[in-house]
């Protein structure tokens, strides 16, 4: 599922912002990446999911029961989970979950647009993470390793204020460490995890942040340049995977540069 999948290419694009596309920075940046990717891969599979417009339901007791039962059985392949459901509620939970899992497992690249809400991730994204994180779902039954070890993840985050080194709110960005930790823990390789951040995005509409507009403009320009560069970088990675080279390009997992 590695080099063959990389060769044909597939992109799962998720947006979590509650804001409309014409004002959302994270949506604008993921759209830029998706447009470049689709231009390079016109025949490849592209799936878009708007987590704000079409939210994933939060977990229920039935989901928890089914998950606990699957864990007690060891690593249960996704195709066998339905047979573990004991009532209509558990069956309904799995019908909601399985299509989302299949989208992730089929994707060569995951693209997530995530604004910072109250120092961390929007509830819409957390609901998606909670549901796709079904026990054993990302374990490769053939090897026991992670089914996401070759998946490329592009995290595009937007911060209304400044959280970088020297900023008054330095250290209060709990969004980026959480997402890094989640995908790393799921088995995504460090060289396949890329973070692009735009900061001080509210400088143009909050009067108190007006002095930060030059730095905000610089941050946005750097984010747009990083997104565009990532399209080229991941294309080169995919070509190497298809050739069996397995080479690593650049410094994956590092945030795009932005001013403090």
C-alpha atoms as a PDB file:
ATOM      1  CA  UNK A   1       0.000   0.000   0.000  1.00  0.00           C
ATOM      2  CA  UNK A   2       3.049   2.237   0.073  1.00  0.00           C
ATOM      3  CA  UNK A   3       4.793   2.907  -3.219  1.00  0.00           C
ATOM      4  CA  UNK A   4       1.724   1.997  -5.297  1.00  0.00           C
ATOM      5  CA  UNK A   5      -0.426   4.427  -3.338  1.00  0.00           C
ATOM      6  CA  UNK A   6       2.192   7.172  -3.522  1.00  0.00           C
ATOM      7  CA  UNK A   7       2.522   6.695  -7.238  1.00  0.00           C
ATOM      8  CA  UNK A   8      -1.117   7.271  -7.972  1.00  0.00           C
ATOM      9  CA  UNK A   9      -1.584   9.950  -5.282  1.00  0.00           C
ATOM     10  CA  UNK A  10      -4.640  10.670  -3.170  1.00  0.00           C
ATOM     11  CA  UNK A  11      -5.488  13.668  -1.016  1.00  0.00           C
ATOM     12  CA  UNK A  12      -7.904  13.940   1.905  1.00  0.00           C
ATOM     13  CA  UNK A  13      -8.551  17.632   2.584  1.00  0.00           C
ATOM     14  CA  UNK A  14     -10.186  18.670   5.876  1.00  0.00           C
ATOM     15  CA  UNK A  15     -11.165  22.169   7.011  1.00  0.00           C
ATOM     16  CA  UNK A  16     -12.188  22.826  10.609  1.00  0.00           C
ATOM     17  CA  UNK A  17     -12.722  26.599  10.648  1.00  0.00           C
ATOM     18  CA  UNK A  18     -16.158  27.913  11.552  1.00  0.00           C
ATOM     19  CA  UNK A  19     -15.461  31.010   9.436  1.00  0.00           C
ATOM     20  CA  UNK A  20     -16.498  31.291   5.806  1.00  0.00           C
ATOM     21  CA  UNK A  21     -13.997  30.666   3.043  1.00  0.00           C
ATOM     22  CA  UNK A  22     -13.727  34.357   2.143  1.00  0.00           C
ATOM     23  CA  UNK A  23     -12.480  35.307   5.621  1.00  0.00           C
ATOM     24  CA  UNK A  24     -10.833  32.138   6.965  1.00  0.00           C
ATOM     25  CA  UNK A  25      -7.043  32.150   6.760  1.00  0.00           C
ATOM     26  CA  UNK A  26      -6.710  28.396   7.296  1.00  0.00           C
ATOM     27  CA  UNK A  27      -9.274  27.674   4.569  1.00  0.00           C
ATOM     28  CA  UNK A  28      -7.485  29.994   2.184  1.00  0.00           C
ATOM     29  CA  UNK A  29      -4.131  28.315   2.782  1.00  0.00           C
ATOM     30  CA  UNK A  30      -5.447  24.766   2.440  1.00  0.00           C
ATOM     31  CA  UNK A  31      -7.257  25.811  -0.756  1.00  0.00           C
ATOM     32  CA  UNK A  32      -3.931  27.073  -2.102  1.00  0.00           C
ATOM     33  CA  UNK A  33      -2.261  23.745  -1.365  1.00  0.00           C
ATOM     34  CA  UNK A  34      -5.169  21.715  -2.764  1.00  0.00           C
ATOM     35  CA  UNK A  35      -5.258  23.746  -5.975  1.00  0.00           C
ATOM     36  CA  UNK A  36      -1.545  23.192  -6.568  1.00  0.00           C
ATOM     37  CA  UNK A  37      -1.795  19.502  -5.744  1.00  0.00           C
ATOM     38  CA  UNK A  38      -4.802  18.942  -8.015  1.00  0.00           C
ATOM     39  CA  UNK A  39      -3.117  20.796 -10.856  1.00  0.00           C
ATOM     40  CA  UNK A  40      -0.212  18.375 -10.612  1.00  0.00           C
ATOM     41  CA  UNK A  41      -2.463  15.330 -10.166  1.00  0.00           C
ATOM     42  CA  UNK A  42      -5.562  15.957 -12.295  1.00  0.00           C
ATOM     43  CA  UNK A  43      -6.510  12.274 -12.391  1.00  0.00           C
ATOM     44  CA  UNK A  44      -5.785  11.461  -8.751  1.00  0.00           C
ATOM     45  CA  UNK A  45      -8.394  10.962  -6.045  1.00  0.00           C
ATOM     46  CA  UNK A  46      -9.335  14.079  -4.064  1.00  0.00           C
ATOM     47  CA  UNK A  47     -11.758  14.041  -1.117  1.00  0.00           C
ATOM     48  CA  UNK A  48     -12.887  17.206   0.649  1.00  0.00           C
ATOM     49  CA  UNK A  49     -14.600  17.251   4.035  1.00  0.00           C
ATOM     50  CA  UNK A  50     -15.811  20.435   5.740  1.00  0.00           C
ATOM     51  CA  UNK A  51     -15.925  19.589   9.434  1.00  0.00           C
ATOM     52  CA  UNK A  52     -17.762  22.807  10.299  1.00  0.00           C
ATOM     53  CA  UNK A  53     -20.490  22.583   7.666  1.00  0.00           C
ATOM     54  CA  UNK A  54     -20.870  18.810   8.049  1.00  0.00           C
ATOM     55  CA  UNK A  55     -19.722  18.049  11.609  1.00  0.00           C
ATOM     56  CA  UNK A  56     -18.798  14.562  12.716  1.00  0.00           C
ATOM     57  CA  UNK A  57     -21.057  13.418  15.579  1.00  0.00           C
ATOM     58  CA  UNK A  58     -19.492  13.201  19.021  1.00  0.00           C
ATOM     59  CA  UNK A  59     -18.932   9.775  20.516  1.00  0.00           C
ATOM     60  CA  UNK A  60     -21.642   7.901  22.395  1.00  0.00           C
ATOM     61  CA  UNK A  61     -21.730   5.097  24.955  1.00  0.00           C
ATOM     62  CA  UNK A  62     -22.359   2.652  22.100  1.00  0.00           C
ATOM     63  CA  UNK A  63     -19.107   3.686  20.373  1.00  0.00           C
ATOM     64  CA  UNK A  64     -17.236   3.234  23.660  1.00  0.00           C
ATOM     65  CA  UNK A  65     -18.701  -0.250  24.216  1.00  0.00           C
ATOM     66  CA  UNK A  66     -17.730  -1.340  20.714  1.00  0.00           C
ATOM     67  CA  UNK A  67     -14.247   0.112  21.084  1.00  0.00           C
ATOM     68  CA  UNK A  68     -13.624  -1.593  24.420  1.00  0.00           C
ATOM     69  CA  UNK A  69     -14.759  -4.916  22.954  1.00  0.00           C
ATOM     70  CA  UNK A  70     -12.425  -4.510  19.983  1.00  0.00           C
ATOM     71  CA  UNK A  71      -9.489  -3.722  22.289  1.00  0.00           C
ATOM     72  CA  UNK A  72     -10.142  -6.805  24.383  1.00  0.00           C
ATOM     73  CA  UNK A  73      -9.912  -8.868  21.191  1.00  0.00           C
ATOM     74  CA  UNK A  74      -6.441  -7.600  20.382  1.00  0.00           C
ATOM     75  CA  UNK A  75      -5.873  -6.007  16.985  1.00  0.00           C
ATOM     76  CA  UNK A  76      -9.155  -6.423  15.109  1.00  0.00           C
ATOM     77  CA  UNK A  77      -8.997  -5.592  11.382  1.00  0.00           C
ATOM     78  CA  UNK A  78     -11.358  -2.801  10.351  1.00  0.00           C
ATOM     79  CA  UNK A  79     -13.281  -5.216   8.116  1.00  0.00           C
ATOM     80  CA  UNK A  80     -14.186  -7.398  11.129  1.00  0.00           C
ATOM     81  CA  UNK A  81     -15.345  -4.702  13.558  1.00  0.00           C
ATOM     82  CA  UNK A  82     -18.950  -4.781  12.298  1.00  0.00           C
ATOM     83  CA  UNK A  83     -19.217  -8.401  13.453  1.00  0.00           C
ATOM     84  CA  UNK A  84     -18.466  -7.284  17.023  1.00  0.00           C
ATOM     85  CA  UNK A  85     -21.488  -4.940  17.228  1.00  0.00           C
ATOM     86  CA  UNK A  86     -24.160  -6.377  19.533  1.00  0.00           C
ATOM     87  CA  UNK A  87     -27.051  -3.969  19.092  1.00  0.00           C
ATOM     88  CA  UNK A  88     -28.505  -1.386  16.725  1.00  0.00           C
ATOM     89  CA  UNK A  89     -26.791   1.517  18.493  1.00  0.00           C
ATOM     90  CA  UNK A  90     -23.346  -0.025  18.104  1.00  0.00           C
ATOM     91  CA  UNK A  91     -24.072  -0.842  14.458  1.00  0.00           C
ATOM     92  CA  UNK A  92     -25.126   2.764  13.863  1.00  0.00           C
ATOM     93  CA  UNK A  93     -21.927   4.073  15.465  1.00  0.00           C
ATOM     94  CA  UNK A  94     -19.807   1.871  13.241  1.00  0.00           C
ATOM     95  CA  UNK A  95     -21.709   2.956  10.128  1.00  0.00           C
ATOM     96  CA  UNK A  96     -20.772   6.533  11.014  1.00  0.00           C
ATOM     97  CA  UNK A  97     -17.147   5.639  11.704  1.00  0.00           C
ATOM     98  CA  UNK A  98     -16.129   3.256   8.926  1.00  0.00           C
ATOM     99  CA  UNK A  99     -16.411   5.722   5.981  1.00  0.00           C
ATOM    100  CA  UNK A 100     -14.215   8.229   7.833  1.00  0.00           C
ATOM    101  CA  UNK A 101     -11.605   5.578   8.572  1.00  0.00           C
ATOM    102  CA  UNK A 102     -11.563   4.424   4.974  1.00  0.00           C
ATOM    103  CA  UNK A 103     -10.942   7.996   3.820  1.00  0.00           C
ATOM    104  CA  UNK A 104      -7.879   8.272   6.048  1.00  0.00           C
ATOM    105  CA  UNK A 105      -6.487   4.850   5.169  1.00  0.00           C
ATOM    106  CA  UNK A 106      -6.929   5.482   1.439  1.00  0.00           C
ATOM    107  CA  UNK A 107      -5.150   8.844   1.481  1.00  0.00           C
ATOM    108  CA  UNK A 108      -1.522   9.291   0.507  1.00  0.00           C
ATOM    109  CA  UNK A 109      -1.648  12.845   1.921  1.00  0.00           C
ATOM    110  CA  UNK A 110      -3.796  14.343   4.669  1.00  0.00           C
ATOM    111  CA  UNK A 111      -4.301  18.113   4.519  1.00  0.00           C
ATOM    112  CA  UNK A 112      -5.828  19.765   7.586  1.00  0.00           C
ATOM    113  CA  UNK A 113      -6.777  23.417   7.945  1.00  0.00           C
ATOM    114  CA  UNK A 114      -6.999  24.207  11.653  1.00  0.00           C
ATOM    115  CA  UNK A 115      -7.532  27.577  13.328  1.00  0.00           C
ATOM    116  CA  UNK A 116      -6.586  27.982  16.974  1.00  0.00           C
ATOM    117  CA  UNK A 117      -9.706  28.285  19.141  1.00  0.00           C
ATOM    118  CA  UNK A 118      -9.161  29.044  22.825  1.00  0.00           C
ATOM    119  CA  UNK A 119      -5.511  27.987  22.614  1.00  0.00           C
ATOM    120  CA  UNK A 120      -6.196  24.592  21.029  1.00  0.00           C
ATOM    121  CA  UNK A 121      -8.104  22.716  18.315  1.00  0.00           C
ATOM    122  CA  UNK A 122     -11.735  23.390  17.326  1.00  0.00           C
ATOM    123  CA  UNK A 123     -14.260  20.913  18.713  1.00  0.00           C
ATOM    124  CA  UNK A 124     -15.177  19.949  15.157  1.00  0.00           C
ATOM    125  CA  UNK A 125     -11.674  18.598  14.523  1.00  0.00           C
ATOM    126  CA  UNK A 126     -11.520  16.909  17.919  1.00  0.00           C
ATOM    127  CA  UNK A 127     -14.791  15.099  17.145  1.00  0.00           C
ATOM    128  CA  UNK A 128     -13.285  13.792  13.896  1.00  0.00           C
ATOM    129  CA  UNK A 129     -10.094  12.687  15.671  1.00  0.00           C
ATOM    130  CA  UNK A 130     -12.026  10.940  18.433  1.00  0.00           C
ATOM    131  CA  UNK A 131     -14.096   8.992  15.910  1.00  0.00           C
ATOM    132  CA  UNK A 132     -11.343   7.888  13.517  1.00  0.00           C
ATOM    133  CA  UNK A 133      -9.119   6.909  16.432  1.00  0.00           C
ATOM    134  CA  UNK A 134     -11.012   3.642  16.853  1.00  0.00           C
ATOM    135  CA  UNK A 135      -8.858   1.030  18.646  1.00  0.00           C
ATOM    136  CA  UNK A 136      -6.589  -0.758  16.191  1.00  0.00           C
ATOM    137  CA  UNK A 137      -7.895   1.088  13.137  1.00  0.00           C
ATOM    138  CA  UNK A 138      -4.464   2.413  12.182  1.00  0.00           C
ATOM    139  CA  UNK A 139      -2.593  -0.816  12.866  1.00  0.00           C
ATOM    140  CA  UNK A 140      -1.440  -2.704   9.781  1.00  0.00           C
ATOM    141  CA  UNK A 141      -2.702  -6.274  10.360  1.00  0.00           C
ATOM    142  CA  UNK A 142       0.077  -7.677   8.170  1.00  0.00           C
ATOM    143  CA  UNK A 143       2.971  -6.174  10.097  1.00  0.00           C
ATOM    144  CA  UNK A 144       1.574  -4.943  13.406  1.00  0.00           C
ATOM    145  CA  UNK A 145       3.059  -1.529  12.599  1.00  0.00           C
ATOM    146  CA  UNK A 146       1.285   1.705  11.780  1.00  0.00           C
ATOM    147  CA  UNK A 147      -0.839   1.858   8.651  1.00  0.00           C
ATOM    148  CA  UNK A 148       0.032   5.579   8.525  1.00  0.00           C
ATOM    149  CA  UNK A 149       3.809   5.196   8.474  1.00  0.00           C
ATOM    150  CA  UNK A 150       3.995   6.334   4.829  1.00  0.00           C
ATOM    151  CA  UNK A 151       1.166   8.873   5.010  1.00  0.00           C
ATOM    152  CA  UNK A 152       2.123  12.520   4.548  1.00  0.00           C
ATOM    153  CA  UNK A 153       0.372  15.002   6.810  1.00  0.00           C
ATOM    154  CA  UNK A 154       0.193  18.737   6.138  1.00  0.00           C
ATOM    155  CA  UNK A 155      -1.090  20.778   9.092  1.00  0.00           C
ATOM    156  CA  UNK A 156      -2.038  24.347   8.237  1.00  0.00           C
ATOM    157  CA  UNK A 157      -2.748  26.331  11.392  1.00  0.00           C
ATOM    158  CA  UNK A 158      -3.857  29.919  11.908  1.00  0.00           C
ATOM    159  CA  UNK A 159      -3.411  31.950  15.084  1.00  0.00           C
ATOM    160  CA  UNK A 160      -5.302  35.176  15.626  1.00  0.00           C
ATOM    161  CA  UNK A 161      -2.494  36.506  17.811  1.00  0.00           C
ATOM    162  CA  UNK A 162       1.217  35.864  18.252  1.00  0.00           C
ATOM    163  CA  UNK A 163       2.452  32.784  20.126  1.00  0.00           C
ATOM    164  CA  UNK A 164       6.024  32.563  18.838  1.00  0.00           C
ATOM    165  CA  UNK A 165       9.273  33.235  20.714  1.00  0.00           C
ATOM    166  CA  UNK A 166       9.220  36.583  22.511  1.00  0.00           C
ATOM    167  CA  UNK A 167       5.465  37.099  22.131  1.00  0.00           C
ATOM    168  CA  UNK A 168       3.401  37.885  25.265  1.00  0.00           C
ATOM    169  CA  UNK A 169       1.537  34.600  24.738  1.00  0.00           C
ATOM    170  CA  UNK A 170       4.609  32.506  24.069  1.00  0.00           C
ATOM    171  CA  UNK A 171       4.065  28.974  25.358  1.00  0.00           C
ATOM    172  CA  UNK A 172       0.277  29.088  25.095  1.00  0.00           C
ATOM    173  CA  UNK A 173       0.040  27.392  21.718  1.00  0.00           C
ATOM    174  CA  UNK A 174      -1.431  24.033  22.695  1.00  0.00           C
ATOM    175  CA  UNK A 175      -2.749  23.406  19.186  1.00  0.00           C
ATOM    176  CA  UNK A 176       0.492  22.591  17.358  1.00  0.00           C
ATOM    177  CA  UNK A 177       1.997  20.302  20.039  1.00  0.00           C
ATOM    178  CA  UNK A 178      -1.308  18.442  20.299  1.00  0.00           C
ATOM    179  CA  UNK A 179      -1.561  17.786  16.555  1.00  0.00           C
ATOM    180  CA  UNK A 180       2.118  16.872  16.286  1.00  0.00           C
ATOM    181  CA  UNK A 181       1.762  14.499  19.200  1.00  0.00           C
ATOM    182  CA  UNK A 182      -1.417  12.917  17.886  1.00  0.00           C
ATOM    183  CA  UNK A 183      -0.123  12.112  14.414  1.00  0.00           C
ATOM    184  CA  UNK A 184       3.303  11.044  15.672  1.00  0.00           C
ATOM    185  CA  UNK A 185       1.657   8.720  18.178  1.00  0.00           C
ATOM    186  CA  UNK A 186      -0.447   7.254  15.362  1.00  0.00           C
ATOM    187  CA  UNK A 187       2.757   6.337  13.547  1.00  0.00           C
ATOM    188  CA  UNK A 188       3.203   9.174  11.040  1.00  0.00           C
ATOM    189  CA  UNK A 189       6.943   9.531  10.435  1.00  0.00           C
ATOM    190  CA  UNK A 190       8.565  12.793  11.525  1.00  0.00           C
ATOM    191  CA  UNK A 191       9.816  13.453   7.997  1.00  0.00           C
ATOM    192  CA  UNK A 192       6.243  13.140   6.700  1.00  0.00           C
ATOM    193  CA  UNK A 193       4.712  15.615   9.165  1.00  0.00           C
ATOM    194  CA  UNK A 194       4.696  19.231   7.972  1.00  0.00           C
ATOM    195  CA  UNK A 195       3.348  22.271   9.830  1.00  0.00           C
ATOM    196  CA  UNK A 196       2.644  25.672   8.286  1.00  0.00           C
ATOM    197  CA  UNK A 197       1.522  28.462  10.609  1.00  0.00           C
ATOM    198  CA  UNK A 198       0.132  31.938   9.950  1.00  0.00           C
ATOM    199  CA  UNK A 199       0.156  34.181  13.031  1.00  0.00           C
ATOM    200  CA  UNK A 200      -1.507  37.459  14.028  1.00  0.00           C
ATOM    201  CA  UNK A 201      -4.267  36.861  11.495  1.00  0.00           C
ATOM    202  CA  UNK A 202      -6.675  39.171  13.388  1.00  0.00           C
ATOM    203  CA  UNK A 203      -4.361  42.167  13.134  1.00  0.00           C
ATOM    204  CA  UNK A 204      -6.496  43.697  10.354  1.00  0.00           C
ATOM    205  CA  UNK A 205      -9.801  43.684  12.235  1.00  0.00           C
ATOM    206  CA  UNK A 206      -8.877  44.054  15.922  1.00  0.00           C
ATOM    207  CA  UNK A 207      -7.765  47.657  16.589  1.00  0.00           C
ATOM    208  CA  UNK A 208      -5.462  46.677  19.436  1.00  0.00           C
ATOM    209  CA  UNK A 209      -3.458  44.439  17.098  1.00  0.00           C
ATOM    210  CA  UNK A 210      -3.041  47.091  14.388  1.00  0.00           C
ATOM    211  CA  UNK A 211       0.658  47.692  15.216  1.00  0.00           C
ATOM    212  CA  UNK A 212       1.297  44.048  14.342  1.00  0.00           C
ATOM    213  CA  UNK A 213       0.042  44.334  10.770  1.00  0.00           C
ATOM    214  CA  UNK A 214       3.509  44.425   9.142  1.00  0.00           C
ATOM    215  CA  UNK A 215       4.542  41.297  11.063  1.00  0.00           C
ATOM    216  CA  UNK A 216       1.193  39.680  10.246  1.00  0.00           C
ATOM    217  CA  UNK A 217       1.678  40.382   6.543  1.00  0.00           C
ATOM    218  CA  UNK A 218       5.151  38.843   6.703  1.00  0.00           C
ATOM    219  CA  UNK A 219       3.789  35.788   8.491  1.00  0.00           C
ATOM    220  CA  UNK A 220       1.048  35.339   5.885  1.00  0.00           C
ATOM    221  CA  UNK A 221       3.514  35.680   3.001  1.00  0.00           C
ATOM    222  CA  UNK A 222       5.790  33.087   4.598  1.00  0.00           C
ATOM    223  CA  UNK A 223       2.860  30.711   5.118  1.00  0.00           C
ATOM    224  CA  UNK A 224       1.718  31.019   1.510  1.00  0.00           C
ATOM    225  CA  UNK A 225       5.271  30.425   0.276  1.00  0.00           C
ATOM    226  CA  UNK A 226       5.621  27.376   2.551  1.00  0.00           C
ATOM    227  CA  UNK A 227       2.339  25.880   1.336  1.00  0.00           C
ATOM    228  CA  UNK A 228       3.375  26.308  -2.286  1.00  0.00           C
ATOM    229  CA  UNK A 229       6.796  24.801  -1.597  1.00  0.00           C
ATOM    230  CA  UNK A 230       5.214  21.800   0.128  1.00  0.00           C
ATOM    231  CA  UNK A 231       3.311  20.875  -3.029  1.00  0.00           C
ATOM    232  CA  UNK A 232       6.663  20.537  -4.820  1.00  0.00           C
ATOM    233  CA  UNK A 233       8.301  18.797  -1.863  1.00  0.00           C
ATOM    234  CA  UNK A 234       5.622  16.139  -1.472  1.00  0.00           C
ATOM    235  CA  UNK A 235       5.567  15.553  -5.208  1.00  0.00           C
ATOM    236  CA  UNK A 236       9.278  14.779  -5.068  1.00  0.00           C
ATOM    237  CA  UNK A 237       8.730  12.500  -2.053  1.00  0.00           C
ATOM    238  CA  UNK A 238       5.977  10.617  -3.866  1.00  0.00           C
ATOM    239  CA  UNK A 239       8.209  10.124  -6.894  1.00  0.00           C
ATOM    240  CA  UNK A 240      10.959   8.734  -4.685  1.00  0.00           C
ATOM    241  CA  UNK A 241       8.518   6.380  -2.955  1.00  0.00           C
ATOM    242  CA  UNK A 242       7.264   5.138  -6.304  1.00  0.00           C
ATOM    243  CA  UNK A 243      10.846   4.447  -7.362  1.00  0.00           C
ATOM    244  CA  UNK A 244      11.545   2.675  -4.085  1.00  0.00           C
ATOM    245  CA  UNK A 245      14.179   5.200  -3.149  1.00  0.00           C
ATOM    246  CA  UNK A 246      12.625   6.220   0.155  1.00  0.00           C
ATOM    247  CA  UNK A 247      14.680   9.402   0.273  1.00  0.00           C
ATOM    248  CA  UNK A 248      13.744  12.232   2.587  1.00  0.00           C
ATOM    249  CA  UNK A 249      13.599  15.782   1.296  1.00  0.00           C
ATOM    250  CA  UNK A 250      13.976  18.854   3.465  1.00  0.00           C
ATOM    251  CA  UNK A 251      13.175  19.128   7.149  1.00  0.00           C
ATOM    252  CA  UNK A 252       9.774  17.556   7.547  1.00  0.00           C
ATOM    253  CA  UNK A 253       7.806  18.372  10.670  1.00  0.00           C
ATOM    254  CA  UNK A 254       9.166  21.866  11.088  1.00  0.00           C
ATOM    255  CA  UNK A 255       6.901  24.846  11.110  1.00  0.00           C
ATOM    256  CA  UNK A 256       7.170  27.411   8.364  1.00  0.00           C
ATOM    257  CA  UNK A 257       9.152  30.462   9.479  1.00  0.00           C
ATOM    258  CA  UNK A 258       7.108  33.323  10.843  1.00  0.00           C
ATOM    259  CA  UNK A 259       7.978  36.468  12.748  1.00  0.00           C
ATOM    260  CA  UNK A 260       7.726  36.538  16.502  1.00  0.00           C
END
